[in-house]
C-alpha atoms as a PDB file:
ATOM      1  CA  MET A   1     173.380 185.447 105.289  1.00  0.00           C
ATOM      2  CA  ALA A   2     173.626 188.373 107.694  1.00  0.00           C
ATOM      3  CA  ARG A   3     174.519 187.743 111.337  1.00  0.00           C
ATOM      4  CA  ASN A   4     171.529 189.327 113.064  1.00  0.00           C
ATOM      5  CA  VAL A   5     168.310 188.261 111.423  1.00  0.00           C
ATOM      6  CA  LEU A   6     164.724 188.671 112.552  1.00  0.00           C
ATOM      7  CA  ILE A   7     161.751 186.820 111.095  1.00  0.00           C
ATOM      8  CA  LEU A   8     158.476 188.750 111.390  1.00  0.00           C
ATOM      9  CA  TYR A   9     155.385 187.142 109.959  1.00  0.00           C
ATOM     10  CA  TYR A  10     151.612 187.271 109.914  1.00  0.00           C
ATOM     11  CA  SER A  11     149.686 184.027 109.558  1.00  0.00           C
ATOM     12  CA  GLN A  12     145.934 183.763 109.872  1.00  0.00           C
ATOM     13  CA  PHE A  13     145.385 180.120 109.009  1.00  0.00           C
ATOM     14  CA  GLY A  14     148.815 178.615 109.754  1.00  0.00           C
ATOM     15  CA  ASN A  15     150.399 178.261 106.306  1.00  0.00           C
ATOM     16  CA  THR A  16     152.716 181.242 106.695  1.00  0.00           C
ATOM     17  CA  ALA A  17     153.547 180.072 110.222  1.00  0.00           C
ATOM     18  CA  LYS A  18     154.759 176.741 108.802  1.00  0.00           C
ATOM     19  CA  LEU A  19     156.932 178.523 106.249  1.00  0.00           C
ATOM     20  CA  ALA A  20     158.297 180.912 108.900  1.00  0.00           C
ATOM     21  CA  THR A  21     159.116 177.943 111.134  1.00  0.00           C
ATOM     22  CA  SER A  22     161.019 176.282 108.277  1.00  0.00           C
ATOM     23  CA  ILE A  23     163.007 179.485 107.754  1.00  0.00           C
ATOM     24  CA  HIS A  24     163.657 179.697 111.501  1.00  0.00           C
ATOM     25  CA  ARG A  25     164.954 176.101 111.567  1.00  0.00           C
ATOM     26  CA  GLU A  26     167.299 176.832 108.648  1.00  0.00           C
ATOM     27  CA  THR A  27     168.624 180.130 110.018  1.00  0.00           C
ATOM     28  CA  GLY A  28     168.298 180.064 113.791  1.00  0.00           C
ATOM     29  CA  ALA A  29     167.062 183.650 113.447  1.00  0.00           C
ATOM     30  CA  ASP A  30     164.886 185.317 116.043  1.00  0.00           C
ATOM     31  CA  ILE A  31     161.225 184.887 115.154  1.00  0.00           C
ATOM     32  CA  LEU A  32     158.057 186.770 116.063  1.00  0.00           C
ATOM     33  CA  ARG A  33     154.478 186.256 114.918  1.00  0.00           C
ATOM     34  CA  LEU A  34     152.555 189.458 114.232  1.00  0.00           C
ATOM     35  CA  ARG A  35     149.084 189.720 115.693  1.00  0.00           C
ATOM     36  CA  VAL A  36     146.105 191.960 115.052  1.00  0.00           C
ATOM     37  CA  PRO A  37     143.219 192.387 117.526  1.00  0.00           C
ATOM     38  CA  ASP A  38     141.452 189.044 118.010  1.00  0.00           C
ATOM     39  CA  ASP A  39     138.169 190.321 116.624  1.00  0.00           C
ATOM     40  CA  TYR A  40     139.583 192.063 113.535  1.00  0.00           C
ATOM     41  CA  PHE A  41     139.481 189.156 111.077  1.00  0.00           C
ATOM     42  CA  PRO A  42     137.030 186.237 111.314  1.00  0.00           C
ATOM     43  CA  ASP A  43     138.124 182.600 111.030  1.00  0.00           C
ATOM     44  CA  ASP A  44     136.616 182.394 107.544  1.00  0.00           C
ATOM     45  CA  MET A  45     138.731 183.298 104.493  1.00  0.00           C
ATOM     46  CA  GLU A  46     135.776 184.575 102.457  1.00  0.00           C
ATOM     47  CA  GLU A  47     134.752 186.941 105.262  1.00  0.00           C
ATOM     48  CA  THR A  48     138.371 187.978 105.757  1.00  0.00           C
ATOM     49  CA  ASP A  49     138.550 188.767 102.038  1.00  0.00           C
ATOM     50  CA  LYS A  50     135.504 191.049 102.372  1.00  0.00           C
ATOM     51  CA  ILE A  51     137.141 192.925 105.250  1.00  0.00           C
ATOM     52  CA  PHE A  52     140.434 193.125 103.339  1.00  0.00           C
ATOM     53  CA  LYS A  53     138.692 194.588 100.280  1.00  0.00           C
ATOM     54  CA  ARG A  54     136.642 196.988 102.390  1.00  0.00           C
ATOM     55  CA  ASP A  55     139.753 198.193 104.211  1.00  0.00           C
ATOM     56  CA  ASN A  56     141.604 198.661 100.909  1.00  0.00           C
ATOM     57  CA  LYS A  57     138.727 200.719  99.543  1.00  0.00           C
ATOM     58  CA  LEU A  58     138.669 202.884 102.682  1.00  0.00           C
ATOM     59  CA  GLY A  59     142.445 203.140 102.994  1.00  0.00           C
ATOM     60  CA  GLN A  60     142.377 201.405 106.395  1.00  0.00           C
ATOM     61  CA  LEU A  61     144.858 198.954 107.876  1.00  0.00           C
ATOM     62  CA  PRO A  62     144.516 196.667 110.868  1.00  0.00           C
ATOM     63  CA  PRO A  63     146.589 197.614 113.913  1.00  0.00           C
ATOM     64  CA  ILE A  64     149.484 195.356 114.895  1.00  0.00           C
ATOM     65  CA  VAL A  65     149.216 194.544 118.604  1.00  0.00           C
ATOM     66  CA  THR A  66     152.530 192.657 118.797  1.00  0.00           C
ATOM     67  CA  LYS A  67     155.301 194.543 120.582  1.00  0.00           C
ATOM     68  CA  LEU A  68     158.289 194.675 118.242  1.00  0.00           C
ATOM     69  CA  PRO A  69     161.874 194.351 119.470  1.00  0.00           C
ATOM     70  CA  ASN A  70     164.475 196.990 118.661  1.00  0.00           C
ATOM     71  CA  ILE A  71     164.610 196.297 114.936  1.00  0.00           C
ATOM     72  CA  GLN A  72     167.731 198.406 114.422  1.00  0.00           C
ATOM     73  CA  TYR A  73     169.679 195.598 116.139  1.00  0.00           C
ATOM     74  CA  TYR A  74     169.063 193.384 113.104  1.00  0.00           C
ATOM     75  CA  ASP A  75     170.975 193.439 109.812  1.00  0.00           C
ATOM     76  CA  THR A  76     168.120 191.757 107.954  1.00  0.00           C
ATOM     77  CA  ILE A  77     164.406 191.334 108.561  1.00  0.00           C
ATOM     78  CA  LEU A  78     162.542 188.553 106.782  1.00  0.00           C
ATOM     79  CA  ILE A  79     158.885 189.554 106.530  1.00  0.00           C
ATOM     80  CA  GLY A  80     156.321 186.897 105.777  1.00  0.00           C
ATOM     81  CA  GLY A  81     152.660 186.896 105.020  1.00  0.00           C
ATOM     82  CA  PRO A  82     149.907 185.270 103.050  1.00  0.00           C
ATOM     83  CA  VAL A  83     148.894 186.327  99.561  1.00  0.00           C
ATOM     84  CA  TRP A  84     145.436 187.882  99.756  1.00  0.00           C
ATOM     85  CA  ASP A  85     143.645 188.582  96.505  1.00  0.00           C
ATOM     86  CA  GLY A  86     147.014 188.536  94.717  1.00  0.00           C
ATOM     87  CA  LYS A  87     148.412 191.160  97.088  1.00  0.00           C
ATOM     88  CA  VAL A  88     150.305 191.639 100.323  1.00  0.00           C
ATOM     89  CA  ALA A  89     148.061 190.950 103.329  1.00  0.00           C
ATOM     90  CA  SER A  90     147.068 194.136 105.151  1.00  0.00           C
ATOM     91  CA  PRO A  91     148.748 193.215 108.476  1.00  0.00           C
ATOM     92  CA  VAL A  92     152.062 193.036 106.605  1.00  0.00           C
ATOM     93  CA  ILE A  93     151.391 196.474 105.111  1.00  0.00           C
ATOM     94  CA  SER A  94     150.727 197.751 108.644  1.00  0.00           C
ATOM     95  CA  LEU A  95     154.107 196.377 109.695  1.00  0.00           C
ATOM     96  CA  LEU A  96     155.876 198.041 106.763  1.00  0.00           C
ATOM     97  CA  LYS A  97     154.446 201.387 107.855  1.00  0.00           C
ATOM     98  CA  MET A  98     155.687 200.734 111.409  1.00  0.00           C
ATOM     99  CA  ILE A  99     159.288 200.069 110.335  1.00  0.00           C
ATOM    100  CA  VAL A 100     159.617 202.786 107.699  1.00  0.00           C
ATOM    101  CA  ASN A 101     162.916 204.044 109.218  1.00  0.00           C
ATOM    102  CA  TYR A 102     164.622 200.651 109.379  1.00  0.00           C
ATOM    103  CA  GLN A 103     168.077 200.781 107.751  1.00  0.00           C
ATOM    104  CA  GLY A 104     168.894 197.112 107.078  1.00  0.00           C
ATOM    105  CA  LYS A 105     167.766 194.694 104.382  1.00  0.00           C
ATOM    106  CA  VAL A 106     164.165 193.551 104.166  1.00  0.00           C
ATOM    107  CA  ALA A 107     163.337 190.286 102.413  1.00  0.00           C
ATOM    108  CA  PRO A 108     159.709 189.283 101.880  1.00  0.00           C
ATOM    109  CA  PHE A 109     158.410 185.742 101.900  1.00  0.00           C
ATOM    110  CA  SER A 110     154.898 184.661 101.110  1.00  0.00           C
ATOM    111  CA  ILE A 111     152.644 181.698 100.669  1.00  0.00           C
ATOM    112  CA  GLY A 112     149.572 181.696  98.498  1.00  0.00           C
ATOM    113  CA  TRP A 113     146.888 179.218  97.553  1.00  0.00           C
ATOM    114  CA  SER A 114     147.308 178.974  93.780  1.00  0.00           C
ATOM    115  CA  ASP A 115     148.692 182.340  92.611  1.00  0.00           C
ATOM    116  CA  THR A 116     151.287 184.697  94.089  1.00  0.00           C
ATOM    117  CA  GLY A 117     149.879 187.588  92.075  1.00  0.00           C
ATOM    118  CA  ASN A 118     152.636 190.160  91.862  1.00  0.00           C
ATOM    119  CA  TYR A 119     153.533 189.891  95.543  1.00  0.00           C
ATOM    120  CA  GLN A 120     157.140 191.070  95.254  1.00  0.00           C
ATOM    121  CA  ALA A 121     156.194 194.227  93.317  1.00  0.00           C
ATOM    122  CA  ASP A 122     153.248 194.922  95.629  1.00  0.00           C
ATOM    123  CA  PHE A 123     155.523 194.493  98.663  1.00  0.00           C
ATOM    124  CA  ILE A 124     158.066 196.920  97.204  1.00  0.00           C
ATOM    125  CA  ALA A 125     155.301 199.437  96.441  1.00  0.00           C
ATOM    126  CA  HIS A 126     154.236 199.393 100.108  1.00  0.00           C
ATOM    127  CA  ALA A 127     157.795 199.359 101.468  1.00  0.00           C
ATOM    128  CA  GLY A 128     158.598 202.976 100.627  1.00  0.00           C
ATOM    129  CA  LYS A 129     162.315 203.596 101.126  1.00  0.00           C
ATOM    130  CA  LEU A 130     163.050 200.270 102.788  1.00  0.00           C
ATOM    131  CA  ASN A 131     165.898 198.282 101.222  1.00  0.00           C
ATOM    132  CA  VAL A 132     163.879 195.367  99.798  1.00  0.00           C
ATOM    133  CA  VAL A 133     165.738 192.416  98.306  1.00  0.00           C
ATOM    134  CA  SER A 134     164.414 189.469  96.335  1.00  0.00           C
ATOM    135  CA  GLY A 135     161.893 187.372  98.226  1.00  0.00           C
ATOM    136  CA  TYR A 136     160.799 183.770  98.511  1.00  0.00           C
ATOM    137  CA  HIS A 137     157.281 183.083  97.276  1.00  0.00           C
ATOM    138  CA  VAL A 138     155.589 179.676  97.195  1.00  0.00           C
ATOM    139  CA  LEU A 139     152.139 178.221  96.653  1.00  0.00           C
ATOM    140  CA  THR A 140     150.202 175.471  98.417  1.00  0.00           C
ATOM    141  CA  HIS A 141     148.222 174.279  95.361  1.00  0.00           C
ATOM    142  CA  ALA A 142     150.394 175.193  92.366  1.00  0.00           C
ATOM    143  CA  THR A 143     154.009 175.914  91.545  1.00  0.00           C
ATOM    144  CA  PRO A 144     156.371 177.108  92.783  1.00  0.00           C
ATOM    145  CA  LYS A 145     155.944 174.748  95.720  1.00  0.00           C
ATOM    146  CA  PHE A 146     158.031 174.856  98.861  1.00  0.00           C
ATOM    147  CA  SER A 147     161.161 172.731  98.919  1.00  0.00           C
ATOM    148  CA  SER A 148     164.061 172.694 101.337  1.00  0.00           C
ATOM    149  CA  ALA A 149     166.449 173.143  98.404  1.00  0.00           C
ATOM    150  CA  SER A 150     164.692 176.244  97.040  1.00  0.00           C
ATOM    151  CA  LEU A 151     164.507 177.756 100.533  1.00  0.00           C
ATOM    152  CA  ALA A 152     168.214 177.100 101.144  1.00  0.00           C
ATOM    153  CA  SER A 153     169.068 178.656  97.785  1.00  0.00           C
ATOM    154  CA  TRP A 154     167.118 181.823  98.634  1.00  0.00           C
ATOM    155  CA  LEU A 155     168.678 182.076 102.075  1.00  0.00           C
ATOM    156  CA  ARG A 156     172.215 181.745 100.642  1.00  0.00           C
ATOM    157  CA  LYS A 157     171.567 184.776  98.423  1.00  0.00           C
ATOM    158  CA  LEU A 158     170.712 186.924 101.405  1.00  0.00           C
END
């Protein structure tokens, strides 16, 4: 694994935060949770899904209010987010647009309920010219499930 690693993640209901924390424990990498304005998404997944779909239809993205460090310091950025409607969550897409000039490796990680959709391909489609490598994608209610062994295997390949 690269020497200077940053974990950036968005987690609305805590599942991605747990995965990001596991990655942080394994790597010792710097870690930062991405935030959107407090009133942007409600605390209800069904209502969040409506906003997500509306935003997609209108071509809108939520603003990221988290101040990012100097990302050029890092060799690799691990970017995590939930799977929403089989896709990359819109706050993660907002982040990808913010770091479009980053020169290091970008590795996505995600956690979904029962289907990852085509998260890796969707992530790459939104990443533009970023150097995206193979990600780590797990599910809470189906397979592939999280395991320390599968996480360690992914991290070794980075």
